[in-house]
PDB file of N, CA and C in Angstrom:
ATOM      1  N   UNK A   1     -50.911   8.979  41.886  1.00  0.00           N
ATOM      2  CA  UNK A   1     -50.598   9.580  42.359  1.00  0.00           C
ATOM      3  C   UNK A   1     -50.967  10.904  42.250  1.00  0.00           C
ATOM      4  N   UNK A   2     -50.688  12.308  43.252  1.00  0.00           N
ATOM      5  CA  UNK A   2     -51.264  13.734  43.500  1.00  0.00           C
ATOM      6  C   UNK A   2     -50.193  13.850  43.730  1.00  0.00           C
ATOM      7  N   UNK A   3     -50.272  15.524  42.673  1.00  0.00           N
ATOM      8  CA  UNK A   3     -49.763  16.537  43.148  1.00  0.00           C
ATOM      9  C   UNK A   3     -50.133  18.157  43.764  1.00  0.00           C
ATOM     10  N   UNK A   4     -49.830  18.752  44.295  1.00  0.00           N
ATOM     11  CA  UNK A   4     -50.185  19.776  44.453  1.00  0.00           C
ATOM     12  C   UNK A   4     -50.280  21.274  43.483  1.00  0.00           C
ATOM     13  N   UNK A   5     -49.120  20.503  42.468  1.00  0.00           N
ATOM     14  CA  UNK A   5     -48.470  21.631  41.641  1.00  0.00           C
ATOM     15  C   UNK A   5     -49.375  22.157  40.692  1.00  0.00           C
ATOM     16  N   UNK A   6     -49.247  23.369  39.818  1.00  0.00           N
ATOM     17  CA  UNK A   6     -50.039  23.897  38.946  1.00  0.00           C
ATOM     18  C   UNK A   6     -48.666  23.348  37.684  1.00  0.00           C
ATOM     19  N   UNK A   7     -49.839  22.694  36.679  1.00  0.00           N
ATOM     20  CA  UNK A   7     -48.730  22.446  35.709  1.00  0.00           C
ATOM     21  C   UNK A   7     -49.596  22.779  34.029  1.00  0.00           C
ATOM     22  N   UNK A   8     -48.758  23.693  33.538  1.00  0.00           N
ATOM     23  CA  UNK A   8     -49.247  24.680  32.319  1.00  0.00           C
ATOM     24  C   UNK A   8     -49.141  24.104  31.009  1.00  0.00           C
ATOM     25  N   UNK A   9     -50.004  23.068  30.483  1.00  0.00           N
ATOM     26  CA  UNK A   9     -50.138  22.578  29.088  1.00  0.00           C
ATOM     27  C   UNK A   9     -50.264  23.237  28.546  1.00  0.00           C
ATOM     28  N   UNK A  10     -49.070  22.986  27.436  1.00  0.00           N
ATOM     29  CA  UNK A  10     -48.893  23.867  25.481  1.00  0.00           C
ATOM     30  C   UNK A  10     -49.025  22.933  25.045  1.00  0.00           C
ATOM     31  N   UNK A  11     -49.650  23.412  23.406  1.00  0.00           N
ATOM     32  CA  UNK A  11     -49.423  22.444  22.315  1.00  0.00           C
ATOM     33  C   UNK A  11     -48.123  23.036  21.786  1.00  0.00           C
ATOM     34  N   UNK A  12     -47.679  22.630  20.749  1.00  0.00           N
ATOM     35  CA  UNK A  12     -46.274  23.222  20.023  1.00  0.00           C
ATOM     36  C   UNK A  12     -46.346  24.556  19.999  1.00  0.00           C
ATOM     37  N   UNK A  13     -47.801  24.791  19.153  1.00  0.00           N
ATOM     38  CA  UNK A  13     -47.688  26.065  18.454  1.00  0.00           C
ATOM     39  C   UNK A  13     -48.344  27.182  19.406  1.00  0.00           C
ATOM     40  N   UNK A  14     -48.694  26.645  20.748  1.00  0.00           N
ATOM     41  CA  UNK A  14     -49.033  27.639  21.897  1.00  0.00           C
ATOM     42  C   UNK A  14     -47.000  28.031  22.442  1.00  0.00           C
ATOM     43  N   UNK A  15     -46.437  26.624  22.772  1.00  0.00           N
ATOM     44  CA  UNK A  15     -44.995  26.519  22.859  1.00  0.00           C
ATOM     45  C   UNK A  15     -44.158  27.864  22.154  1.00  0.00           C
ATOM     46  N   UNK A  16     -44.404  27.647  20.924  1.00  0.00           N
ATOM     47  CA  UNK A  16     -43.658  28.468  19.655  1.00  0.00           C
ATOM     48  C   UNK A  16     -43.996  29.951  19.789  1.00  0.00           C
ATOM     49  N   UNK A  17     -45.236  30.216  20.596  1.00  0.00           N
ATOM     50  CA  UNK A  17     -45.769  31.851  20.731  1.00  0.00           C
ATOM     51  C   UNK A  17     -45.100  32.180  21.754  1.00  0.00           C
ATOM     52  N   UNK A  18     -45.054  31.022  23.068  1.00  0.00           N
ATOM     53  CA  UNK A  18     -43.727  31.602  24.438  1.00  0.00           C
ATOM     54  C   UNK A  18     -42.691  32.024  23.697  1.00  0.00           C
ATOM     55  N   UNK A  19     -41.909  30.852  22.766  1.00  0.00           N
ATOM     56  CA  UNK A  19     -40.598  30.825  23.268  1.00  0.00           C
ATOM     57  C   UNK A  19     -40.003  31.847  21.575  1.00  0.00           C
ATOM     58  N   UNK A  20     -40.962  32.474  20.916  1.00  0.00           N
ATOM     59  CA  UNK A  20     -40.765  33.313  19.737  1.00  0.00           C
ATOM     60  C   UNK A  20     -39.800  32.141  18.669  1.00  0.00           C
ATOM     61  N   UNK A  21     -40.056  30.539  18.594  1.00  0.00           N
ATOM     62  CA  UNK A  21     -39.451  29.824  17.504  1.00  0.00           C
ATOM     63  C   UNK A  21     -40.594  29.526  16.741  1.00  0.00           C
ATOM     64  N   UNK A  22     -40.111  28.765  15.744  1.00  0.00           N
ATOM     65  CA  UNK A  22     -41.211  28.467  14.512  1.00  0.00           C
ATOM     66  C   UNK A  22     -41.453  27.109  15.281  1.00  0.00           C
ATOM     67  N   UNK A  23     -43.033  26.711  15.361  1.00  0.00           N
ATOM     68  CA  UNK A  23     -43.379  25.353  15.937  1.00  0.00           C
ATOM     69  C   UNK A  23     -42.384  23.981  14.944  1.00  0.00           C
ATOM     70  N   UNK A  24     -42.325  24.032  14.182  1.00  0.00           N
ATOM     71  CA  UNK A  24     -41.382  23.426  13.463  1.00  0.00           C
ATOM     72  C   UNK A  24     -40.266  22.904  13.628  1.00  0.00           C
ATOM     73  N   UNK A  25     -39.663  24.345  14.112  1.00  0.00           N
ATOM     74  CA  UNK A  25     -38.099  24.270  14.800  1.00  0.00           C
ATOM     75  C   UNK A  25     -37.890  23.752  16.112  1.00  0.00           C
ATOM     76  N   UNK A  26     -38.930  23.764  16.861  1.00  0.00           N
ATOM     77  CA  UNK A  26     -39.460  23.144  18.264  1.00  0.00           C
ATOM     78  C   UNK A  26     -39.534  21.628  17.348  1.00  0.00           C
ATOM     79  N   UNK A  27     -40.439  20.860  16.948  1.00  0.00           N
ATOM     80  CA  UNK A  27     -40.402  19.791  16.556  1.00  0.00           C
ATOM     81  C   UNK A  27     -39.029  19.432  16.148  1.00  0.00           C
ATOM     82  N   UNK A  28     -38.422  19.655  14.765  1.00  0.00           N
ATOM     83  CA  UNK A  28     -37.257  19.492  14.156  1.00  0.00           C
ATOM     84  C   UNK A  28     -35.964  19.023  15.284  1.00  0.00           C
ATOM     85  N   UNK A  29     -35.955  20.090  16.035  1.00  0.00           N
ATOM     86  CA  UNK A  29     -34.113  20.633  17.076  1.00  0.00           C
ATOM     87  C   UNK A  29     -34.535  20.681  18.400  1.00  0.00           C
ATOM     88  N   UNK A  30     -35.411  21.036  18.497  1.00  0.00           N
ATOM     89  CA  UNK A  30     -35.438  20.847  20.538  1.00  0.00           C
ATOM     90  C   UNK A  30     -35.760  19.978  21.140  1.00  0.00           C
ATOM     91  N   UNK A  31     -37.344  19.225  20.656  1.00  0.00           N
ATOM     92  CA  UNK A  31     -37.292  18.357  20.621  1.00  0.00           C
ATOM     93  C   UNK A  31     -36.442  16.707  20.711  1.00  0.00           C
ATOM     94  N   UNK A  32     -36.798  16.207  22.401  1.00  0.00           N
ATOM     95  CA  UNK A  32     -36.040  15.001  22.134  1.00  0.00           C
ATOM     96  C   UNK A  32     -34.443  15.132  22.157  1.00  0.00           C
ATOM     97  N   UNK A  33     -33.779  17.058  22.295  1.00  0.00           N
ATOM     98  CA  UNK A  33     -32.270  17.071  22.127  1.00  0.00           C
ATOM     99  C   UNK A  33     -32.163  18.301  23.159  1.00  0.00           C
ATOM    100  N   UNK A  34     -33.373  18.808  23.873  1.00  0.00           N
ATOM    101  CA  UNK A  34     -33.244  19.618  25.133  1.00  0.00           C
ATOM    102  C   UNK A  34     -34.278  19.529  25.436  1.00  0.00           C
ATOM    103  N   UNK A  35     -35.670  19.482  24.878  1.00  0.00           N
ATOM    104  CA  UNK A  35     -36.347  18.617  25.390  1.00  0.00           C
ATOM    105  C   UNK A  35     -36.895  17.307  25.699  1.00  0.00           C
ATOM    106  N   UNK A  36     -36.966  17.098  26.752  1.00  0.00           N
ATOM    107  CA  UNK A  36     -37.260  15.098  26.622  1.00  0.00           C
ATOM    108  C   UNK A  36     -38.601  14.835  27.194  1.00  0.00           C
ATOM    109  N   UNK A  37     -39.376  13.908  26.467  1.00  0.00           N
ATOM    110  CA  UNK A  37     -40.546  13.160  26.714  1.00  0.00           C
ATOM    111  C   UNK A  37     -40.520  12.645  28.292  1.00  0.00           C
ATOM    112  N   UNK A  38     -41.166  13.097  29.501  1.00  0.00           N
ATOM    113  CA  UNK A  38     -41.374  12.272  30.695  1.00  0.00           C
ATOM    114  C   UNK A  38     -41.124  13.516  31.247  1.00  0.00           C
ATOM    115  N   UNK A  39     -39.814  14.524  31.038  1.00  0.00           N
ATOM    116  CA  UNK A  39     -39.560  15.804  31.991  1.00  0.00           C
ATOM    117  C   UNK A  39     -40.646  17.356  31.397  1.00  0.00           C
ATOM    118  N   UNK A  40     -40.136  17.186  30.045  1.00  0.00           N
ATOM    119  CA  UNK A  40     -40.866  18.988  29.496  1.00  0.00           C
ATOM    120  C   UNK A  40     -41.940  18.177  28.223  1.00  0.00           C
ATOM    121  N   UNK A  41     -41.936  16.788  27.742  1.00  0.00           N
ATOM    122  CA  UNK A  41     -43.809  17.093  27.331  1.00  0.00           C
ATOM    123  C   UNK A  41     -44.174  15.481  27.935  1.00  0.00           C
ATOM    124  N   UNK A  42     -45.020  15.700  27.412  1.00  0.00           N
ATOM    125  CA  UNK A  42     -46.079  13.772  27.526  1.00  0.00           C
ATOM    126  C   UNK A  42     -46.698  14.137  26.191  1.00  0.00           C
ATOM    127  N   UNK A  43     -46.868  12.830  26.187  1.00  0.00           N
ATOM    128  CA  UNK A  43     -48.083  11.928  24.446  1.00  0.00           C
ATOM    129  C   UNK A  43     -49.018  11.470  25.498  1.00  0.00           C
ATOM    130  N   UNK A  44     -50.261  12.313  25.969  1.00  0.00           N
ATOM    131  CA  UNK A  44     -51.463  11.950  26.695  1.00  0.00           C
ATOM    132  C   UNK A  44     -52.122  10.655  25.784  1.00  0.00           C
ATOM    133  N   UNK A  45     -51.993  10.006  27.131  1.00  0.00           N
ATOM    134  CA  UNK A  45     -53.091   8.681  26.175  1.00  0.00           C
ATOM    135  C   UNK A  45     -51.757   7.624  25.240  1.00  0.00           C
ATOM    136  N   UNK A  46     -50.683   8.066  25.350  1.00  0.00           N
ATOM    137  CA  UNK A  46     -50.320   6.998  24.714  1.00  0.00           C
ATOM    138  C   UNK A  46     -50.651   7.550  22.570  1.00  0.00           C
ATOM    139  N   UNK A  47     -51.095   8.501  22.605  1.00  0.00           N
ATOM    140  CA  UNK A  47     -51.540   8.934  21.340  1.00  0.00           C
ATOM    141  C   UNK A  47     -50.550   9.669  20.271  1.00  0.00           C
ATOM    142  N   UNK A  48     -50.306  10.295  19.749  1.00  0.00           N
ATOM    143  CA  UNK A  48     -49.287  11.165  18.722  1.00  0.00           C
ATOM    144  C   UNK A  48     -49.250  12.437  19.631  1.00  0.00           C
ATOM    145  N   UNK A  49     -50.193  13.230  20.050  1.00  0.00           N
ATOM    146  CA  UNK A  49     -50.365  14.465  20.419  1.00  0.00           C
ATOM    147  C   UNK A  49     -49.541  14.525  21.823  1.00  0.00           C
ATOM    148  N   UNK A  50     -48.697  15.785  21.389  1.00  0.00           N
ATOM    149  CA  UNK A  50     -47.749  16.647  22.413  1.00  0.00           C
ATOM    150  C   UNK A  50     -47.975  17.513  23.198  1.00  0.00           C
ATOM    151  N   UNK A  51     -47.842  17.219  24.538  1.00  0.00           N
ATOM    152  CA  UNK A  51     -48.463  18.566  25.436  1.00  0.00           C
ATOM    153  C   UNK A  51     -47.074  18.963  26.273  1.00  0.00           C
ATOM    154  N   UNK A  52     -46.495  20.193  26.134  1.00  0.00           N
ATOM    155  CA  UNK A  52     -45.402  20.618  26.704  1.00  0.00           C
ATOM    156  C   UNK A  52     -45.698  20.842  27.901  1.00  0.00           C
ATOM    157  N   UNK A  53     -44.571  20.679  29.047  1.00  0.00           N
ATOM    158  CA  UNK A  53     -44.847  21.377  30.250  1.00  0.00           C
ATOM    159  C   UNK A  53     -44.176  22.657  30.584  1.00  0.00           C
ATOM    160  N   UNK A  54     -44.768  23.728  30.345  1.00  0.00           N
ATOM    161  CA  UNK A  54     -43.936  25.139  30.481  1.00  0.00           C
ATOM    162  C   UNK A  54     -43.100  24.862  31.675  1.00  0.00           C
ATOM    163  N   UNK A  55     -44.093  25.212  32.906  1.00  0.00           N
ATOM    164  CA  UNK A  55     -42.976  24.959  34.014  1.00  0.00           C
ATOM    165  C   UNK A  55     -41.659  24.490  34.184  1.00  0.00           C
ATOM    166  N   UNK A  56     -41.822  22.961  33.545  1.00  0.00           N
ATOM    167  CA  UNK A  56     -40.915  22.627  33.235  1.00  0.00           C
ATOM    168  C   UNK A  56     -39.456  22.781  32.139  1.00  0.00           C
ATOM    169  N   UNK A  57     -40.241  23.334  31.531  1.00  0.00           N
ATOM    170  CA  UNK A  57     -39.298  24.144  30.314  1.00  0.00           C
ATOM    171  C   UNK A  57     -38.285  25.337  30.914  1.00  0.00           C
ATOM    172  N   UNK A  58     -39.468  26.330  31.397  1.00  0.00           N
ATOM    173  CA  UNK A  58     -39.079  27.775  31.917  1.00  0.00           C
ATOM    174  C   UNK A  58     -38.083  27.054  33.414  1.00  0.00           C
ATOM    175  N   UNK A  59     -38.147  25.666  34.137  1.00  0.00           N
ATOM    176  CA  UNK A  59     -37.000  25.908  34.978  1.00  0.00           C
ATOM    177  C   UNK A  59     -35.106  25.414  34.137  1.00  0.00           C
ATOM    178  N   UNK A  60     -35.979  24.634  33.467  1.00  0.00           N
ATOM    179  CA  UNK A  60     -34.568  23.768  32.845  1.00  0.00           C
ATOM    180  C   UNK A  60     -33.845  25.549  31.916  1.00  0.00           C
ATOM    181  N   UNK A  61     -34.711  26.344  31.246  1.00  0.00           N
ATOM    182  CA  UNK A  61     -34.305  27.618  30.410  1.00  0.00           C
ATOM    183  C   UNK A  61     -33.240  28.766  31.908  1.00  0.00           C
ATOM    184  N   UNK A  62     -33.916  28.614  32.805  1.00  0.00           N
ATOM    185  CA  UNK A  62     -33.225  29.604  33.549  1.00  0.00           C
ATOM    186  C   UNK A  62     -32.458  29.059  34.249  1.00  0.00           C
ATOM    187  N   UNK A  63     -32.140  27.911  34.948  1.00  0.00           N
ATOM    188  CA  UNK A  63     -31.039  27.396  35.112  1.00  0.00           C
ATOM    189  C   UNK A  63     -30.050  26.966  33.827  1.00  0.00           C
ATOM    190  N   UNK A  64     -30.022  26.771  32.892  1.00  0.00           N
ATOM    191  CA  UNK A  64     -28.876  26.894  31.495  1.00  0.00           C
ATOM    192  C   UNK A  64     -28.355  28.374  31.518  1.00  0.00           C
ATOM    193  N   UNK A  65     -29.472  29.279  31.702  1.00  0.00           N
ATOM    194  CA  UNK A  65     -29.160  30.290  31.273  1.00  0.00           C
ATOM    195  C   UNK A  65     -28.182  30.911  32.552  1.00  0.00           C
ATOM    196  N   UNK A  66     -28.656  30.678  33.846  1.00  0.00           N
ATOM    197  CA  UNK A  66     -28.007  31.088  34.656  1.00  0.00           C
ATOM    198  C   UNK A  66     -26.410  30.604  34.540  1.00  0.00           C
ATOM    199  N   UNK A  67     -26.209  29.477  34.365  1.00  0.00           N
ATOM    200  CA  UNK A  67     -24.473  28.603  33.784  1.00  0.00           C
ATOM    201  C   UNK A  67     -24.206  29.011  33.375  1.00  0.00           C
ATOM    202  N   UNK A  68     -24.692  29.833  32.209  1.00  0.00           N
ATOM    203  CA  UNK A  68     -23.489  30.184  31.372  1.00  0.00           C
ATOM    204  C   UNK A  68     -22.950  32.299  32.016  1.00  0.00           C
ATOM    205  N   UNK A  69     -23.598  32.123  32.833  1.00  0.00           N
ATOM    206  CA  UNK A  69     -23.539  34.057  33.193  1.00  0.00           C
ATOM    207  C   UNK A  69     -21.523  33.695  33.462  1.00  0.00           C
ATOM    208  N   UNK A  70     -20.830  34.507  32.595  1.00  0.00           N
ATOM    209  CA  UNK A  70     -19.253  34.451  33.082  1.00  0.00           C
ATOM    210  C   UNK A  70     -19.160  35.006  34.353  1.00  0.00           C
ATOM    211  N   UNK A  71     -18.252  34.017  35.204  1.00  0.00           N
ATOM    212  CA  UNK A  71     -18.042  34.058  36.688  1.00  0.00           C
ATOM    213  C   UNK A  71     -16.457  33.751  36.761  1.00  0.00           C
ATOM    214  N   UNK A  72     -15.796  34.798  37.396  1.00  0.00           N
ATOM    215  CA  UNK A  72     -14.633  34.366  38.334  1.00  0.00           C
ATOM    216  C   UNK A  72     -14.425  34.260  39.362  1.00  0.00           C
ATOM    217  N   UNK A  73     -13.857  32.782  39.705  1.00  0.00           N
ATOM    218  CA  UNK A  73     -13.608  32.152  41.296  1.00  0.00           C
ATOM    219  C   UNK A  73     -12.868  33.394  41.689  1.00  0.00           C
ATOM    220  N   UNK A  74     -13.033  33.089  43.322  1.00  0.00           N
ATOM    221  CA  UNK A  74     -12.028  34.252  43.870  1.00  0.00           C
ATOM    222  C   UNK A  74     -11.098  32.992  45.046  1.00  0.00           C
ATOM    223  N   UNK A  75     -10.195  33.609  45.479  1.00  0.00           N
ATOM    224  CA  UNK A  75      -9.447  33.392  46.376  1.00  0.00           C
ATOM    225  C   UNK A  75     -10.150  32.145  47.670  1.00  0.00           C
ATOM    226  N   UNK A  76     -10.953  33.267  48.234  1.00  0.00           N
ATOM    227  CA  UNK A  76     -11.624  32.721  49.769  1.00  0.00           C
ATOM    228  C   UNK A  76     -12.864  32.151  48.792  1.00  0.00           C
ATOM    229  N   UNK A  77     -13.545  31.891  47.840  1.00  0.00           N
ATOM    230  CA  UNK A  77     -14.402  31.213  47.606  1.00  0.00           C
ATOM    231  C   UNK A  77     -15.395  31.614  46.698  1.00  0.00           C
ATOM    232  N   UNK A  78     -15.579  32.728  47.016  1.00  0.00           N
ATOM    233  CA  UNK A  78     -16.617  33.268  46.091  1.00  0.00           C
ATOM    234  C   UNK A  78     -16.473  33.641  44.655  1.00  0.00           C
ATOM    235  N   UNK A  79     -17.841  34.260  44.312  1.00  0.00           N
ATOM    236  CA  UNK A  79     -17.456  34.488  42.668  1.00  0.00           C
ATOM    237  C   UNK A  79     -17.341  35.892  42.385  1.00  0.00           C
ATOM    238  N   UNK A  80     -16.906  36.268  41.304  1.00  0.00           N
ATOM    239  CA  UNK A  80     -16.962  37.595  40.605  1.00  0.00           C
ATOM    240  C   UNK A  80     -17.258  37.480  39.456  1.00  0.00           C
ATOM    241  N   UNK A  81     -18.854  38.701  39.197  1.00  0.00           N
ATOM    242  CA  UNK A  81     -19.952  37.852  37.887  1.00  0.00           C
ATOM    243  C   UNK A  81     -18.959  39.010  36.860  1.00  0.00           C
ATOM    244  N   UNK A  82     -17.814  38.415  36.508  1.00  0.00           N
ATOM    245  CA  UNK A  82     -17.122  39.566  35.497  1.00  0.00           C
ATOM    246  C   UNK A  82     -17.574  39.930  34.302  1.00  0.00           C
TER     247      UNK A  82
END
């Protein structure tokens, strides 16, 4: 399987630096609750080492952030960013 997309692999410590979270918080609270294996991280060669996929994490952070913006539905189908 060949992809043309570039993927940035990060260790837990590198991801913690980008997100400004403690590595332990990522492992204990985010992994397997909001960061899922096969989507946000992989375990290369079935080993214990975890590599996070930055583009997938960034995409989902931006998508969930956009959904939290308060919007008021308008009569003709538009929205007001209240």
